[in-house]
């Protein structure tokens, strides 16, 4: 049984999603996708980068066209009704937890509960330096971002007190649907 092409590539520019104003590469007006999986990169370094499990080397040229994952998924949500809107990895340590929680919940509400949030802690030292986040924040820092994000998705008033993040008791909205999947990845 064929379900059409599976796609984890709209963020790479290899496959442009069709719209009434932009036909897909096959000339049609739609692309059948079951799910997406854009990931987050702040940039593509021009120098060789230490790779997980290997020697330093340049990142693939495809990284030049890495679109923002949540904006990409918003576009896909507007053009579709059933496709699951999953992020491969959002580097959670580069985001303020309240804003990340609100952005994911907004997308989940606007897409009628189709979001699958994939969070990770990042691995590229150059990105940590650019984001002004110490590389040593990995591990415990990711745990705190996840805990603070989940607190934002809980009942109001929200309150969170951690070592790295504090949320005074405000009302935070929107909230995701009750069954919004939340996945975590760690990197090296």
C-alpha atoms as a PDB file:
ATOM      1  CA  UNK A   1       0.000   0.000   0.000  1.00  0.00           C
ATOM      2  CA  UNK A   2       1.550   3.299  -1.096  1.00  0.00           C
ATOM      3  CA  UNK A   3       1.023   6.455   0.920  1.00  0.00           C
ATOM      4  CA  UNK A   4       2.950   8.763  -1.402  1.00  0.00           C
ATOM      5  CA  UNK A   5       6.396  10.117  -0.662  1.00  0.00           C
ATOM      6  CA  UNK A   6       7.469  10.417   2.937  1.00  0.00           C
ATOM      7  CA  UNK A   7       9.127  13.731   3.519  1.00  0.00           C
ATOM      8  CA  UNK A   8      11.581  15.028   6.026  1.00  0.00           C
ATOM      9  CA  UNK A   9      13.004  17.492   3.549  1.00  0.00           C
ATOM     10  CA  UNK A  10      10.959  20.651   3.030  1.00  0.00           C
ATOM     11  CA  UNK A  11      13.524  22.381   5.254  1.00  0.00           C
ATOM     12  CA  UNK A  12      16.344  21.292   2.955  1.00  0.00           C
ATOM     13  CA  UNK A  13      14.898  22.832  -0.164  1.00  0.00           C
ATOM     14  CA  UNK A  14      15.020  19.480  -1.952  1.00  0.00           C
ATOM     15  CA  UNK A  15      11.230  19.338  -2.088  1.00  0.00           C
ATOM     16  CA  UNK A  16       9.152  22.474  -2.296  1.00  0.00           C
ATOM     17  CA  UNK A  17       5.644  21.987  -1.031  1.00  0.00           C
ATOM     18  CA  UNK A  18       3.064  22.826  -3.643  1.00  0.00           C
ATOM     19  CA  UNK A  19       0.562  25.621  -3.374  1.00  0.00           C
ATOM     20  CA  UNK A  20      -1.943  27.028  -5.877  1.00  0.00           C
ATOM     21  CA  UNK A  21       0.761  29.550  -6.808  1.00  0.00           C
ATOM     22  CA  UNK A  22       3.692  27.134  -6.874  1.00  0.00           C
ATOM     23  CA  UNK A  23       3.260  23.723  -8.509  1.00  0.00           C
ATOM     24  CA  UNK A  24       5.429  20.907  -7.207  1.00  0.00           C
ATOM     25  CA  UNK A  25       8.350  19.524  -9.213  1.00  0.00           C
ATOM     26  CA  UNK A  26       6.104  16.996 -10.917  1.00  0.00           C
ATOM     27  CA  UNK A  27       3.847  19.812 -12.179  1.00  0.00           C
ATOM     28  CA  UNK A  28       0.960  18.950  -9.862  1.00  0.00           C
ATOM     29  CA  UNK A  29      -0.753  21.211  -7.378  1.00  0.00           C
ATOM     30  CA  UNK A  30      -0.249  19.032  -4.317  1.00  0.00           C
ATOM     31  CA  UNK A  31       2.222  16.743  -2.617  1.00  0.00           C
ATOM     32  CA  UNK A  32       1.000  13.726  -0.638  1.00  0.00           C
ATOM     33  CA  UNK A  33       2.896  13.652   2.624  1.00  0.00           C
ATOM     34  CA  UNK A  34       2.126  11.653   5.730  1.00  0.00           C
ATOM     35  CA  UNK A  35       4.393  13.601   8.053  1.00  0.00           C
ATOM     36  CA  UNK A  36       7.138  16.195   8.059  1.00  0.00           C
ATOM     37  CA  UNK A  37      10.256  16.455  10.171  1.00  0.00           C
ATOM     38  CA  UNK A  38      12.138  19.740   9.842  1.00  0.00           C
ATOM     39  CA  UNK A  39      15.029  20.251  12.195  1.00  0.00           C
ATOM     40  CA  UNK A  40      16.686  23.406  13.440  1.00  0.00           C
ATOM     41  CA  UNK A  41      20.074  24.815  12.490  1.00  0.00           C
ATOM     42  CA  UNK A  42      21.084  28.367  13.326  1.00  0.00           C
ATOM     43  CA  UNK A  43      23.453  28.468  10.344  1.00  0.00           C
ATOM     44  CA  UNK A  44      25.849  26.428   8.212  1.00  0.00           C
ATOM     45  CA  UNK A  45      29.471  27.026   9.286  1.00  0.00           C
ATOM     46  CA  UNK A  46      31.969  27.550   6.486  1.00  0.00           C
ATOM     47  CA  UNK A  47      34.726  25.755   8.425  1.00  0.00           C
ATOM     48  CA  UNK A  48      34.877  22.018   9.131  1.00  0.00           C
ATOM     49  CA  UNK A  49      32.782  21.034  12.148  1.00  0.00           C
ATOM     50  CA  UNK A  50      33.408  18.189  14.607  1.00  0.00           C
ATOM     51  CA  UNK A  51      30.822  15.524  13.774  1.00  0.00           C
ATOM     52  CA  UNK A  52      29.122  13.181  16.223  1.00  0.00           C
ATOM     53  CA  UNK A  53      31.058   9.924  15.973  1.00  0.00           C
ATOM     54  CA  UNK A  54      33.511  11.138  13.329  1.00  0.00           C
ATOM     55  CA  UNK A  55      36.240  13.564  12.343  1.00  0.00           C
ATOM     56  CA  UNK A  56      35.608  17.243  11.552  1.00  0.00           C
ATOM     57  CA  UNK A  57      34.210  17.860   8.081  1.00  0.00           C
ATOM     58  CA  UNK A  58      32.003  20.413   6.329  1.00  0.00           C
ATOM     59  CA  UNK A  59      28.266  20.200   6.887  1.00  0.00           C
ATOM     60  CA  UNK A  60      26.362  19.129   3.774  1.00  0.00           C
ATOM     61  CA  UNK A  61      25.495  21.857   1.264  1.00  0.00           C
ATOM     62  CA  UNK A  62      21.805  21.108   1.915  1.00  0.00           C
ATOM     63  CA  UNK A  63      22.167  22.877   5.284  1.00  0.00           C
ATOM     64  CA  UNK A  64      22.261  26.194   3.403  1.00  0.00           C
ATOM     65  CA  UNK A  65      18.476  26.020   2.970  1.00  0.00           C
ATOM     66  CA  UNK A  66      17.405  24.889   6.427  1.00  0.00           C
ATOM     67  CA  UNK A  67      14.114  26.682   7.051  1.00  0.00           C
ATOM     68  CA  UNK A  68      12.836  27.491  10.518  1.00  0.00           C
ATOM     69  CA  UNK A  69      10.934  24.378  11.650  1.00  0.00           C
ATOM     70  CA  UNK A  70       7.850  25.934  13.246  1.00  0.00           C
ATOM     71  CA  UNK A  71       7.347  28.426  10.432  1.00  0.00           C
ATOM     72  CA  UNK A  72       7.734  25.613   7.894  1.00  0.00           C
ATOM     73  CA  UNK A  73       5.171  23.532   9.770  1.00  0.00           C
ATOM     74  CA  UNK A  74       2.775  26.488   9.896  1.00  0.00           C
ATOM     75  CA  UNK A  75       2.968  26.649   6.109  1.00  0.00           C
ATOM     76  CA  UNK A  76       2.349  22.906   5.806  1.00  0.00           C
ATOM     77  CA  UNK A  77      -0.564  23.144   8.275  1.00  0.00           C
ATOM     78  CA  UNK A  78      -2.218  25.821   6.131  1.00  0.00           C
ATOM     79  CA  UNK A  79      -1.969  23.608   3.026  1.00  0.00           C
ATOM     80  CA  UNK A  80      -3.062  20.343   4.607  1.00  0.00           C
ATOM     81  CA  UNK A  81      -5.669  18.785   6.851  1.00  0.00           C
ATOM     82  CA  UNK A  82      -4.267  15.455   8.052  1.00  0.00           C
ATOM     83  CA  UNK A  83      -0.464  15.458   7.804  1.00  0.00           C
ATOM     84  CA  UNK A  84       1.300  15.061  11.159  1.00  0.00           C
ATOM     85  CA  UNK A  85       3.382  18.153  11.884  1.00  0.00           C
ATOM     86  CA  UNK A  86       6.472  16.885  13.643  1.00  0.00           C
ATOM     87  CA  UNK A  87       9.756  18.589  14.224  1.00  0.00           C
ATOM     88  CA  UNK A  88      12.790  16.386  13.909  1.00  0.00           C
ATOM     89  CA  UNK A  89      14.764  18.394  16.452  1.00  0.00           C
ATOM     90  CA  UNK A  90      14.331  21.895  17.818  1.00  0.00           C
ATOM     91  CA  UNK A  91      17.422  22.931  19.771  1.00  0.00           C
ATOM     92  CA  UNK A  92      15.534  23.724  22.970  1.00  0.00           C
ATOM     93  CA  UNK A  93      18.450  25.354  24.763  1.00  0.00           C
ATOM     94  CA  UNK A  94      18.399  28.229  22.259  1.00  0.00           C
ATOM     95  CA  UNK A  95      14.790  29.151  23.171  1.00  0.00           C
ATOM     96  CA  UNK A  96      13.065  30.813  26.118  1.00  0.00           C
ATOM     97  CA  UNK A  97      10.792  28.040  27.493  1.00  0.00           C
ATOM     98  CA  UNK A  98       7.638  30.200  27.718  1.00  0.00           C
ATOM     99  CA  UNK A  99       7.997  31.343  24.102  1.00  0.00           C
ATOM    100  CA  UNK A 100       8.764  27.818  22.892  1.00  0.00           C
ATOM    101  CA  UNK A 101       5.729  26.463  24.747  1.00  0.00           C
ATOM    102  CA  UNK A 102       3.473  29.151  23.263  1.00  0.00           C
ATOM    103  CA  UNK A 103       4.780  28.675  19.699  1.00  0.00           C
ATOM    104  CA  UNK A 104       4.271  24.900  19.819  1.00  0.00           C
ATOM    105  CA  UNK A 105       0.848  25.235  21.453  1.00  0.00           C
ATOM    106  CA  UNK A 106      -0.232  27.853  18.888  1.00  0.00           C
ATOM    107  CA  UNK A 107       0.735  25.556  16.023  1.00  0.00           C
ATOM    108  CA  UNK A 108      -1.001  22.623  17.740  1.00  0.00           C
ATOM    109  CA  UNK A 109      -4.220  24.625  18.156  1.00  0.00           C
ATOM    110  CA  UNK A 110      -4.173  26.069  14.613  1.00  0.00           C
ATOM    111  CA  UNK A 111      -3.542  22.611  13.115  1.00  0.00           C
ATOM    112  CA  UNK A 112      -6.245  20.849  15.147  1.00  0.00           C
ATOM    113  CA  UNK A 113      -3.828  18.815  17.252  1.00  0.00           C
ATOM    114  CA  UNK A 114      -1.401  17.559  14.593  1.00  0.00           C
ATOM    115  CA  UNK A 115       1.875  18.663  16.234  1.00  0.00           C
ATOM    116  CA  UNK A 116       4.578  16.284  17.429  1.00  0.00           C
ATOM    117  CA  UNK A 117       7.229  18.307  19.255  1.00  0.00           C
ATOM    118  CA  UNK A 118      10.759  16.944  18.997  1.00  0.00           C
ATOM    119  CA  UNK A 119      13.225  18.714  21.274  1.00  0.00           C
ATOM    120  CA  UNK A 120      16.962  18.220  21.541  1.00  0.00           C
ATOM    121  CA  UNK A 121      19.900  19.936  23.140  1.00  0.00           C
ATOM    122  CA  UNK A 122      22.084  20.641  20.111  1.00  0.00           C
ATOM    123  CA  UNK A 123      25.630  19.539  19.479  1.00  0.00           C
ATOM    124  CA  UNK A 124      27.480  22.138  17.392  1.00  0.00           C
ATOM    125  CA  UNK A 125      29.768  24.337  19.574  1.00  0.00           C
ATOM    126  CA  UNK A 126      29.544  27.206  17.061  1.00  0.00           C
ATOM    127  CA  UNK A 127      25.769  27.396  17.523  1.00  0.00           C
ATOM    128  CA  UNK A 128      26.075  27.487  21.314  1.00  0.00           C
ATOM    129  CA  UNK A 129      28.594  30.312  21.039  1.00  0.00           C
ATOM    130  CA  UNK A 130      26.337  32.268  18.673  1.00  0.00           C
ATOM    131  CA  UNK A 131      23.279  31.741  20.911  1.00  0.00           C
ATOM    132  CA  UNK A 132      25.339  32.807  23.952  1.00  0.00           C
ATOM    133  CA  UNK A 133      24.491  29.535  25.696  1.00  0.00           C
ATOM    134  CA  UNK A 134      27.299  27.659  27.468  1.00  0.00           C
ATOM    135  CA  UNK A 135      27.887  24.197  26.004  1.00  0.00           C
ATOM    136  CA  UNK A 136      27.992  22.847  29.582  1.00  0.00           C
ATOM    137  CA  UNK A 137      24.266  23.677  29.912  1.00  0.00           C
ATOM    138  CA  UNK A 138      23.470  20.530  27.918  1.00  0.00           C
ATOM    139  CA  UNK A 139      21.880  17.741  29.930  1.00  0.00           C
ATOM    140  CA  UNK A 140      20.469  19.532  32.970  1.00  0.00           C
ATOM    141  CA  UNK A 141      19.588  22.559  30.826  1.00  0.00           C
ATOM    142  CA  UNK A 142      17.480  20.436  28.479  1.00  0.00           C
ATOM    143  CA  UNK A 143      15.743  18.835  31.459  1.00  0.00           C
ATOM    144  CA  UNK A 144      14.824  22.311  32.718  1.00  0.00           C
ATOM    145  CA  UNK A 145      13.565  23.568  29.345  1.00  0.00           C
ATOM    146  CA  UNK A 146      11.324  20.506  29.104  1.00  0.00           C
ATOM    147  CA  UNK A 147      10.054  20.916  32.684  1.00  0.00           C
ATOM    148  CA  UNK A 148       9.387  24.649  32.182  1.00  0.00           C
ATOM    149  CA  UNK A 149       7.659  24.015  28.832  1.00  0.00           C
ATOM    150  CA  UNK A 150       5.448  21.350  30.395  1.00  0.00           C
ATOM    151  CA  UNK A 151       4.637  23.728  33.256  1.00  0.00           C
ATOM    152  CA  UNK A 152       3.479  26.306  30.675  1.00  0.00           C
ATOM    153  CA  UNK A 153       1.184  23.679  29.177  1.00  0.00           C
ATOM    154  CA  UNK A 154      -0.342  22.931  32.582  1.00  0.00           C
ATOM    155  CA  UNK A 155      -3.045  24.824  34.452  1.00  0.00           C
ATOM    156  CA  UNK A 156      -2.871  28.571  35.017  1.00  0.00           C
ATOM    157  CA  UNK A 157      -1.399  30.303  36.841  1.00  0.00           C
ATOM    158  CA  UNK A 158       1.865  28.752  35.661  1.00  0.00           C
ATOM    159  CA  UNK A 159       4.765  28.607  38.064  1.00  0.00           C
ATOM    160  CA  UNK A 160       8.195  27.095  37.595  1.00  0.00           C
ATOM    161  CA  UNK A 161      11.351  27.471  39.679  1.00  0.00           C
ATOM    162  CA  UNK A 162      14.515  25.802  38.430  1.00  0.00           C
ATOM    163  CA  UNK A 163      18.215  26.487  38.608  1.00  0.00           C
ATOM    164  CA  UNK A 164      18.301  28.083  35.125  1.00  0.00           C
ATOM    165  CA  UNK A 165      14.711  29.185  34.478  1.00  0.00           C
ATOM    166  CA  UNK A 166      12.048  30.840  36.612  1.00  0.00           C
ATOM    167  CA  UNK A 167       8.458  31.564  35.627  1.00  0.00           C
ATOM    168  CA  UNK A 168       6.537  33.868  37.943  1.00  0.00           C
ATOM    169  CA  UNK A 169       2.869  32.899  38.281  1.00  0.00           C
ATOM    170  CA  UNK A 170       1.337  34.268  35.028  1.00  0.00           C
ATOM    171  CA  UNK A 171      -1.393  32.940  32.799  1.00  0.00           C
ATOM    172  CA  UNK A 172       0.168  31.334  29.721  1.00  0.00           C
ATOM    173  CA  UNK A 173      -1.911  30.567  26.647  1.00  0.00           C
ATOM    174  CA  UNK A 174      -2.611  28.904  24.345  1.00  0.00           C
ATOM    175  CA  UNK A 175      -2.274  25.362  25.645  1.00  0.00           C
ATOM    176  CA  UNK A 176      -1.749  22.396  23.312  1.00  0.00           C
ATOM    177  CA  UNK A 177      -4.366  19.698  22.976  1.00  0.00           C
ATOM    178  CA  UNK A 178      -4.403  17.076  25.739  1.00  0.00           C
ATOM    179  CA  UNK A 179      -2.691  14.442  23.593  1.00  0.00           C
ATOM    180  CA  UNK A 180       0.109  16.566  22.076  1.00  0.00           C
ATOM    181  CA  UNK A 181       3.112  14.222  21.659  1.00  0.00           C
ATOM    182  CA  UNK A 182       6.402  15.450  23.067  1.00  0.00           C
ATOM    183  CA  UNK A 183       9.645  13.726  22.029  1.00  0.00           C
ATOM    184  CA  UNK A 184      13.158  14.380  23.301  1.00  0.00           C
ATOM    185  CA  UNK A 185      16.522  13.694  21.695  1.00  0.00           C
ATOM    186  CA  UNK A 186      19.865  14.275  23.324  1.00  0.00           C
ATOM    187  CA  UNK A 187      22.693  14.445  20.764  1.00  0.00           C
ATOM    188  CA  UNK A 188      26.196  13.639  21.848  1.00  0.00           C
END
